[in-house]
C-alpha atoms as a PDB file:
ATOM      1  CA  MET A   1      18.389 205.523  32.348  1.00  0.00           C
ATOM      2  CA  LYS A   2      18.309 201.885  31.994  1.00  0.00           C
ATOM      3  CA  ARG A   3      22.223 201.477  32.778  1.00  0.00           C
ATOM      4  CA  LEU A   4      21.264 197.975  33.642  1.00  0.00           C
ATOM      5  CA  GLU A   5      18.925 196.655  30.985  1.00  0.00           C
ATOM      6  CA  GLY A   6      19.495 192.927  29.599  1.00  0.00           C
ATOM      7  CA  LYS A   7      21.372 192.307  32.819  1.00  0.00           C
ATOM      8  CA  VAL A   8      20.738 189.737  35.549  1.00  0.00           C
ATOM      9  CA  ALA A   9      21.576 190.804  39.137  1.00  0.00           C
ATOM     10  CA  ILE A  10      21.617 188.534  42.230  1.00  0.00           C
ATOM     11  CA  VAL A  11      20.981 190.368  45.254  1.00  0.00           C
ATOM     12  CA  THR A  12      21.190 188.807  48.673  1.00  0.00           C
ATOM     13  CA  GLY A  13      19.442 190.155  51.705  1.00  0.00           C
ATOM     14  CA  ALA A  14      17.013 192.364  49.123  1.00  0.00           C
ATOM     15  CA  ASN A  15      14.406 192.170  51.933  1.00  0.00           C
ATOM     16  CA  SER A  16      15.031 195.381  53.740  1.00  0.00           C
ATOM     17  CA  GLY A  17      17.233 198.258  53.933  1.00  0.00           C
ATOM     18  CA  ILE A  18      20.317 198.803  51.774  1.00  0.00           C
ATOM     19  CA  GLY A  19      19.284 195.329  50.076  1.00  0.00           C
ATOM     20  CA  LYS A  20      15.837 196.377  49.487  1.00  0.00           C
ATOM     21  CA  ALA A  21      16.431 200.030  48.402  1.00  0.00           C
ATOM     22  CA  THR A  22      18.969 198.423  45.928  1.00  0.00           C
ATOM     23  CA  ALA A  23      16.924 195.505  44.385  1.00  0.00           C
ATOM     24  CA  GLU A  24      14.662 198.358  43.565  1.00  0.00           C
ATOM     25  CA  LEU A  25      17.048 200.636  42.018  1.00  0.00           C
ATOM     26  CA  PHE A  26      18.379 197.830  40.272  1.00  0.00           C
ATOM     27  CA  ALA A  27      14.509 197.158  38.504  1.00  0.00           C
ATOM     28  CA  ARG A  28      14.239 200.517  37.723  1.00  0.00           C
ATOM     29  CA  GLU A  29      17.237 200.440  35.810  1.00  0.00           C
ATOM     30  CA  GLY A  30      16.285 197.369  33.707  1.00  0.00           C
ATOM     31  CA  ALA A  31      17.777 194.680  35.626  1.00  0.00           C
ATOM     32  CA  ASP A  32      16.235 191.292  36.091  1.00  0.00           C
ATOM     33  CA  LEU A  33      16.237 189.657  39.582  1.00  0.00           C
ATOM     34  CA  VAL A  34      17.020 187.205  41.849  1.00  0.00           C
ATOM     35  CA  LEU A  35      16.178 187.973  45.205  1.00  0.00           C
ATOM     36  CA  ALA A  36      17.523 186.348  48.428  1.00  0.00           C
ATOM     37  CA  ALA A  37      16.921 186.143  52.162  1.00  0.00           C
ATOM     38  CA  ARG A  38      15.731 183.982  54.857  1.00  0.00           C
ATOM     39  CA  ARG A  39      11.976 185.095  54.424  1.00  0.00           C
ATOM     40  CA  LEU A  40      10.108 184.866  51.579  1.00  0.00           C
ATOM     41  CA  ASP A  41       7.215 187.173  52.567  1.00  0.00           C
ATOM     42  CA  LYS A  42       9.186 190.741  52.266  1.00  0.00           C
ATOM     43  CA  LEU A  43      10.935 189.331  49.284  1.00  0.00           C
ATOM     44  CA  GLN A  44       7.808 189.000  47.482  1.00  0.00           C
ATOM     45  CA  GLU A  45       6.802 191.954  48.412  1.00  0.00           C
ATOM     46  CA  VAL A  46       9.942 193.432  46.272  1.00  0.00           C
ATOM     47  CA  GLU A  47       9.444 190.988  43.257  1.00  0.00           C
ATOM     48  CA  ALA A  48       5.940 192.389  42.837  1.00  0.00           C
ATOM     49  CA  TYR A  49       7.728 195.562  42.913  1.00  0.00           C
ATOM     50  CA  ALA A  50       9.843 194.412  40.150  1.00  0.00           C
ATOM     51  CA  ALA A  51       7.009 193.150  38.369  1.00  0.00           C
ATOM     52  CA  SER A  52       5.782 196.841  38.162  1.00  0.00           C
ATOM     53  CA  GLN A  53       8.648 198.017  36.623  1.00  0.00           C
ATOM     54  CA  GLY A  54       8.374 195.771  33.917  1.00  0.00           C
ATOM     55  CA  VAL A  55      11.231 193.533  34.836  1.00  0.00           C
ATOM     56  CA  ARG A  56      11.636 189.578  35.692  1.00  0.00           C
ATOM     57  CA  ALA A  57      11.946 188.639  39.289  1.00  0.00           C
ATOM     58  CA  ILE A  58      12.280 185.540  41.623  1.00  0.00           C
ATOM     59  CA  SER A  59      12.414 185.043  45.042  1.00  0.00           C
ATOM     60  CA  VAL A  60      14.354 182.387  47.250  1.00  0.00           C
ATOM     61  CA  ALA A  61      14.708 181.654  50.423  1.00  0.00           C
ATOM     62  CA  THR A  62      18.671 181.669  51.433  1.00  0.00           C
ATOM     63  CA  ASP A  63      20.571 181.389  54.451  1.00  0.00           C
ATOM     64  CA  VAL A  64      23.660 182.596  53.441  1.00  0.00           C
ATOM     65  CA  SER A  65      25.640 181.290  56.070  1.00  0.00           C
ATOM     66  CA  LYS A  66      25.127 177.633  54.987  1.00  0.00           C
ATOM     67  CA  PRO A  67      27.094 176.771  51.491  1.00  0.00           C
ATOM     68  CA  GLU A  68      24.347 174.671  50.627  1.00  0.00           C
ATOM     69  CA  ASP A  69      22.062 177.542  50.386  1.00  0.00           C
ATOM     70  CA  CYS A  70      24.387 179.437  48.263  1.00  0.00           C
ATOM     71  CA  HIS A  71      24.585 176.699  45.930  1.00  0.00           C
ATOM     72  CA  ARG A  72      20.844 176.279  45.496  1.00  0.00           C
ATOM     73  CA  LEU A  73      20.576 180.514  45.048  1.00  0.00           C
ATOM     74  CA  VAL A  74      23.223 180.559  42.412  1.00  0.00           C
ATOM     75  CA  GLU A  75      21.982 177.907  40.485  1.00  0.00           C
ATOM     76  CA  ALA A  76      18.282 178.865  40.830  1.00  0.00           C
ATOM     77  CA  ALA A  77      19.423 181.868  39.060  1.00  0.00           C
ATOM     78  CA  VAL A  78      20.988 180.517  36.292  1.00  0.00           C
ATOM     79  CA  GLU A  79      17.927 177.954  35.829  1.00  0.00           C
ATOM     80  CA  ALA A  80      15.645 180.868  36.008  1.00  0.00           C
ATOM     81  CA  PHE A  81      17.820 183.173  33.743  1.00  0.00           C
ATOM     82  CA  GLY A  82      20.842 181.209  32.167  1.00  0.00           C
ATOM     83  CA  ARG A  83      23.585 183.413  33.678  1.00  0.00           C
ATOM     84  CA  ILE A  84      24.430 186.170  36.126  1.00  0.00           C
ATOM     85  CA  ASP A  85      25.828 189.302  35.002  1.00  0.00           C
ATOM     86  CA  VAL A  86      25.549 191.293  39.320  1.00  0.00           C
ATOM     87  CA  LEU A  87      26.350 189.531  42.287  1.00  0.00           C
ATOM     88  CA  VAL A  88      25.715 191.988  45.044  1.00  0.00           C
ATOM     89  CA  ASN A  89      26.380 190.595  48.533  1.00  0.00           C
ATOM     90  CA  ASN A  90      24.904 192.507  50.977  1.00  0.00           C
ATOM     91  CA  ALA A  91      23.041 190.245  53.366  1.00  0.00           C
ATOM     92  CA  GLY A  92      24.372 190.788  56.748  1.00  0.00           C
ATOM     93  CA  ILE A  93      23.715 190.881  60.617  1.00  0.00           C
ATOM     94  CA  ASP A  94      25.066 193.058  63.333  1.00  0.00           C
ATOM     95  CA  ASP A  95      27.312 192.253  66.529  1.00  0.00           C
ATOM     96  CA  LYS A  96      25.479 194.413  69.077  1.00  0.00           C
ATOM     97  CA  ASN A  97      28.760 196.531  68.841  1.00  0.00           C
ATOM     98  CA  LYS A  98      30.540 193.989  71.612  1.00  0.00           C
ATOM     99  CA  SER A  99      33.830 194.556  72.343  1.00  0.00           C
ATOM    100  CA  ILE A 100      36.174 191.560  72.526  1.00  0.00           C
ATOM    101  CA  THR A 101      35.857 191.203  75.934  1.00  0.00           C
ATOM    102  CA  ASN A 102      31.751 190.883  75.699  1.00  0.00           C
ATOM    103  CA  CYS A 103      31.891 188.607  72.416  1.00  0.00           C
ATOM    104  CA  ASP A 104      31.171 185.147  73.189  1.00  0.00           C
ATOM    105  CA  LEU A 105      32.283 182.585  70.920  1.00  0.00           C
ATOM    106  CA  GLU A 106      28.328 182.229  69.700  1.00  0.00           C
ATOM    107  CA  LEU A 107      28.011 185.756  68.677  1.00  0.00           C
ATOM    108  CA  TRP A 108      31.570 185.692  67.217  1.00  0.00           C
ATOM    109  CA  ASN A 109      30.591 182.553  64.942  1.00  0.00           C
ATOM    110  CA  LYS A 110      27.134 183.614  63.922  1.00  0.00           C
ATOM    111  CA  VAL A 111      28.878 187.118  62.725  1.00  0.00           C
ATOM    112  CA  ILE A 112      31.546 185.510  60.804  1.00  0.00           C
ATOM    113  CA  SER A 113      29.737 182.576  58.858  1.00  0.00           C
ATOM    114  CA  THR A 114      26.918 185.429  57.976  1.00  0.00           C
ATOM    115  CA  ASP A 115      28.998 188.681  56.997  1.00  0.00           C
ATOM    116  CA  GLN A 116      32.305 186.935  56.033  1.00  0.00           C
ATOM    117  CA  ASP A 117      31.860 183.280  55.189  1.00  0.00           C
ATOM    118  CA  SER A 118      28.520 184.093  52.855  1.00  0.00           C
ATOM    119  CA  VAL A 119      30.797 186.134  50.432  1.00  0.00           C
ATOM    120  CA  TYR A 120      33.194 183.540  50.058  1.00  0.00           C
ATOM    121  CA  TYR A 121      30.577 181.121  49.256  1.00  0.00           C
ATOM    122  CA  MET A 122      28.443 183.339  47.195  1.00  0.00           C
ATOM    123  CA  MET A 123      31.492 184.551  45.156  1.00  0.00           C
ATOM    124  CA  LYS A 124      32.955 181.108  44.391  1.00  0.00           C
ATOM    125  CA  GLU A 125      29.647 179.572  43.172  1.00  0.00           C
ATOM    126  CA  THR A 126      29.170 182.626  41.074  1.00  0.00           C
ATOM    127  CA  LEU A 127      32.325 183.063  39.620  1.00  0.00           C
ATOM    128  CA  PRO A 128      32.739 180.299  37.400  1.00  0.00           C
ATOM    129  CA  TYR A 129      29.682 181.138  35.755  1.00  0.00           C
ATOM    130  CA  MET A 130      30.757 184.802  35.030  1.00  0.00           C
ATOM    131  CA  GLU A 131      33.872 183.527  33.658  1.00  0.00           C
ATOM    132  CA  LYS A 132      32.818 181.236  31.425  1.00  0.00           C
ATOM    133  CA  ALA A 133      30.366 184.459  29.734  1.00  0.00           C
ATOM    134  CA  GLY A 134      33.849 186.751  30.265  1.00  0.00           C
ATOM    135  CA  LYS A 135      32.222 189.165  32.114  1.00  0.00           C
ATOM    136  CA  GLY A 136      30.177 190.375  35.381  1.00  0.00           C
ATOM    137  CA  SER A 137      30.623 192.746  38.522  1.00  0.00           C
ATOM    138  CA  ILE A 138      30.170 191.917  42.148  1.00  0.00           C
ATOM    139  CA  VAL A 139      29.552 194.205  44.635  1.00  0.00           C
ATOM    140  CA  ASN A 140      30.504 193.146  47.786  1.00  0.00           C
ATOM    141  CA  ILE A 141      28.976 195.306  50.787  1.00  0.00           C
ATOM    142  CA  SER A 142      31.890 196.108  53.720  1.00  0.00           C
ATOM    143  CA  SER A 143      31.182 198.493  56.143  1.00  0.00           C
ATOM    144  CA  ILE A 144      33.048 201.969  57.552  1.00  0.00           C
ATOM    145  CA  GLY A 145      33.366 199.414  60.533  1.00  0.00           C
ATOM    146  CA  ALA A 146      35.875 197.899  58.648  1.00  0.00           C
ATOM    147  CA  THR A 147      37.655 201.205  57.527  1.00  0.00           C
ATOM    148  CA  ARG A 148      37.660 202.835  61.166  1.00  0.00           C
ATOM    149  CA  SER A 149      37.279 199.595  63.747  1.00  0.00           C
ATOM    150  CA  ASN A 150      34.947 201.227  65.217  1.00  0.00           C
ATOM    151  CA  ALA A 151      32.240 198.623  65.258  1.00  0.00           C
ATOM    152  CA  GLY A 152      31.914 195.433  67.297  1.00  0.00           C
ATOM    153  CA  ILE A 153      34.889 192.752  67.230  1.00  0.00           C
ATOM    154  CA  SER A 154      33.011 190.499  65.169  1.00  0.00           C
ATOM    155  CA  TYR A 155      31.714 192.575  62.603  1.00  0.00           C
ATOM    156  CA  THR A 156      34.888 194.666  62.226  1.00  0.00           C
ATOM    157  CA  ALA A 157      36.526 191.308  61.830  1.00  0.00           C
ATOM    158  CA  ALA A 158      33.744 190.241  59.273  1.00  0.00           C
ATOM    159  CA  LYS A 159      34.074 193.446  57.102  1.00  0.00           C
ATOM    160  CA  MET A 160      37.646 193.687  57.046  1.00  0.00           C
ATOM    161  CA  ALA A 161      37.654 190.430  55.399  1.00  0.00           C
ATOM    162  CA  VAL A 162      35.279 191.134  52.934  1.00  0.00           C
ATOM    163  CA  ILE A 163      37.507 194.297  52.138  1.00  0.00           C
ATOM    164  CA  GLY A 164      40.154 191.538  51.583  1.00  0.00           C
ATOM    165  CA  MET A 165      38.799 189.037  49.691  1.00  0.00           C
ATOM    166  CA  THR A 166      37.115 191.896  47.061  1.00  0.00           C
ATOM    167  CA  LYS A 167      40.533 192.993  46.407  1.00  0.00           C
ATOM    168  CA  ASN A 168      42.348 189.333  46.357  1.00  0.00           C
ATOM    169  CA  VAL A 169      38.921 188.186  43.954  1.00  0.00           C
ATOM    170  CA  ALA A 170      39.888 191.661  41.754  1.00  0.00           C
ATOM    171  CA  ILE A 171      43.785 190.489  41.459  1.00  0.00           C
ATOM    172  CA  GLN A 172      42.294 186.518  39.988  1.00  0.00           C
ATOM    173  CA  VAL A 173      39.846 188.243  37.113  1.00  0.00           C
ATOM    174  CA  ALA A 174      41.722 191.647  36.406  1.00  0.00           C
ATOM    175  CA  GLY A 175      41.347 191.485  32.696  1.00  0.00           C
ATOM    176  CA  THR A 176      38.803 188.944  32.284  1.00  0.00           C
ATOM    177  CA  GLY A 177      35.730 191.627  31.983  1.00  0.00           C
ATOM    178  CA  ILE A 178      34.908 190.927  35.675  1.00  0.00           C
ATOM    179  CA  ARG A 179      35.185 193.048  38.398  1.00  0.00           C
ATOM    180  CA  CYS A 180      34.896 193.382  41.909  1.00  0.00           C
ATOM    181  CA  ASN A 181      34.319 195.951  44.226  1.00  0.00           C
ATOM    182  CA  ALA A 182      33.276 196.891  47.763  1.00  0.00           C
ATOM    183  CA  VAL A 183      30.797 199.202  49.409  1.00  0.00           C
ATOM    184  CA  CYS A 184      31.329 200.692  52.887  1.00  0.00           C
ATOM    185  CA  PRO A 185      28.408 202.024  54.225  1.00  0.00           C
ATOM    186  CA  GLY A 186      28.080 204.396  57.137  1.00  0.00           C
ATOM    187  CA  PRO A 187      25.598 204.741  59.645  1.00  0.00           C
ATOM    188  CA  THR A 188      22.272 203.721  57.460  1.00  0.00           C
ATOM    189  CA  GLU A 189      18.677 204.138  57.959  1.00  0.00           C
ATOM    190  CA  THR A 190      17.613 200.721  58.236  1.00  0.00           C
ATOM    191  CA  PRO A 191      16.611 197.938  60.852  1.00  0.00           C
ATOM    192  CA  ILE A 192      19.710 197.569  62.199  1.00  0.00           C
ATOM    193  CA  PHE A 193      20.193 201.227  63.069  1.00  0.00           C
ATOM    194  CA  SER A 194      16.316 201.329  64.257  1.00  0.00           C
ATOM    195  CA  PRO A 195      15.963 202.651  68.180  1.00  0.00           C
ATOM    196  CA  GLU A 196      15.032 199.101  69.317  1.00  0.00           C
ATOM    197  CA  ASN A 197      18.158 197.672  67.969  1.00  0.00           C
ATOM    198  CA  ALA A 198      20.244 200.281  68.730  1.00  0.00           C
ATOM    199  CA  ALA A 199      19.122 200.071  72.350  1.00  0.00           C
ATOM    200  CA  SER A 200      20.561 196.642  72.537  1.00  0.00           C
ATOM    201  CA  PHE A 201      24.581 197.496  71.454  1.00  0.00           C
ATOM    202  CA  ASP A 202      26.947 197.405  73.692  1.00  0.00           C
ATOM    203  CA  LYS A 203      27.096 200.951  75.420  1.00  0.00           C
ATOM    204  CA  ASP A 204      30.359 201.265  76.722  1.00  0.00           C
ATOM    205  CA  PHE A 205      32.083 200.374  73.305  1.00  0.00           C
ATOM    206  CA  ALA A 206      29.698 202.814  71.728  1.00  0.00           C
ATOM    207  CA  ARG A 207      30.755 205.715  73.598  1.00  0.00           C
ATOM    208  CA  VAL A 208      34.228 205.157  72.573  1.00  0.00           C
ATOM    209  CA  CYS A 209      33.118 205.206  69.006  1.00  0.00           C
ATOM    210  CA  ALA A 210      30.440 208.002  69.990  1.00  0.00           C
ATOM    211  CA  ARG A 211      30.175 210.091  67.046  1.00  0.00           C
ATOM    212  CA  HIS A 212      28.861 207.346  64.794  1.00  0.00           C
ATOM    213  CA  PHE A 213      26.656 205.823  67.635  1.00  0.00           C
ATOM    214  CA  ASP A 214      25.424 209.135  69.424  1.00  0.00           C
ATOM    215  CA  GLY A 215      23.067 210.824  66.120  1.00  0.00           C
ATOM    216  CA  SER A 216      25.621 213.768  66.455  1.00  0.00           C
ATOM    217  CA  LEU A 217      26.377 212.901  62.802  1.00  0.00           C
ATOM    218  CA  PRO A 218      23.527 212.418  59.994  1.00  0.00           C
ATOM    219  CA  ARG A 219      22.557 208.776  58.829  1.00  0.00           C
ATOM    220  CA  THR A 220      22.609 208.167  55.185  1.00  0.00           C
ATOM    221  CA  GLN A 221      19.740 206.625  53.500  1.00  0.00           C
ATOM    222  CA  PRO A 222      19.447 203.252  51.927  1.00  0.00           C
ATOM    223  CA  GLU A 223      19.506 205.011  48.660  1.00  0.00           C
ATOM    224  CA  ASP A 224      22.606 206.282  49.001  1.00  0.00           C
ATOM    225  CA  GLN A 225      23.969 203.248  49.217  1.00  0.00           C
ATOM    226  CA  ALA A 226      22.133 201.697  46.297  1.00  0.00           C
ATOM    227  CA  ASN A 227      23.151 204.949  44.223  1.00  0.00           C
ATOM    228  CA  ALA A 228      27.017 203.436  45.006  1.00  0.00           C
ATOM    229  CA  ILE A 229      26.164 199.592  44.433  1.00  0.00           C
ATOM    230  CA  LEU A 230      24.693 200.762  40.976  1.00  0.00           C
ATOM    231  CA  PHE A 231      27.577 202.377  40.025  1.00  0.00           C
ATOM    232  CA  PHE A 232      29.754 199.623  40.437  1.00  0.00           C
ATOM    233  CA  ALA A 233      27.794 197.178  38.901  1.00  0.00           C
ATOM    234  CA  SER A 234      26.738 199.529  35.539  1.00  0.00           C
ATOM    235  CA  ASP A 235      29.205 199.771  33.158  1.00  0.00           C
ATOM    236  CA  GLU A 236      30.035 202.884  34.028  1.00  0.00           C
ATOM    237  CA  SER A 237      32.827 201.432  36.603  1.00  0.00           C
ATOM    238  CA  LYS A 238      33.699 199.235  33.595  1.00  0.00           C
ATOM    239  CA  ALA A 239      37.751 200.502  34.521  1.00  0.00           C
ATOM    240  CA  ILE A 240      37.079 200.021  38.111  1.00  0.00           C
ATOM    241  CA  ASN A 241      38.388 196.600  39.852  1.00  0.00           C
ATOM    242  CA  GLY A 242      39.677 196.375  43.638  1.00  0.00           C
ATOM    243  CA  GLU A 243      38.164 199.450  45.157  1.00  0.00           C
ATOM    244  CA  THR A 244      36.481 200.039  48.045  1.00  0.00           C
ATOM    245  CA  LEU A 245      34.194 203.041  48.514  1.00  0.00           C
ATOM    246  CA  VAL A 246      33.250 204.558  51.762  1.00  0.00           C
ATOM    247  CA  VAL A 247      29.597 205.952  51.648  1.00  0.00           C
ATOM    248  CA  ASP A 248      29.291 208.147  54.698  1.00  0.00           C
ATOM    249  CA  TYR A 249      29.048 211.961  55.942  1.00  0.00           C
END
């Protein structure tokens, strides 16, 4: 259908999971891509896939927890393509489902800087280019950990902040041709929920929130989240701003 034909999209955390599924879907829908993650090797696989779909893509090694890296990423996008039409703030890490009594300051700061501060950095760097163009779509990836508070303390705090920032920016850009929305994935088949990683989660707190950690509910697939992100990125949602979409069973 080529719903993103002629558009340029930045996707952070594009090397795996939801980010990779989103980037590959965007490529099939005709978007040129700026792919960001800390490691280049996996990004280049997605870049090759984009080329097979007849679109252009560049990979930029980026640690989104660092404001200087976010600045460099956005500048690389503008230098390569001249504009930014879509920003997908997907990059994030888990907090092993640590409760407040088990979450040390080092973990708190790491999760907040990666999952929360990066969204602020990326929107702040990207918005001036969207404002100049008079159009654009920002899609921030939050979590049901925000809407239900059933994740660890740092992850819950960061993802709730993402929803707050999304709504705040939506107020700022209302009527300008720019939109800002959020997708809240439920448990999804990504590296975060691999058996190896899940084994390190805080078991006591996980039991409190059991249904989303014990396998009694089905997991969504990265493609389910990518489809929701595509909806907000495309002009099909041109009248939707400041909304939060939960994608979960």
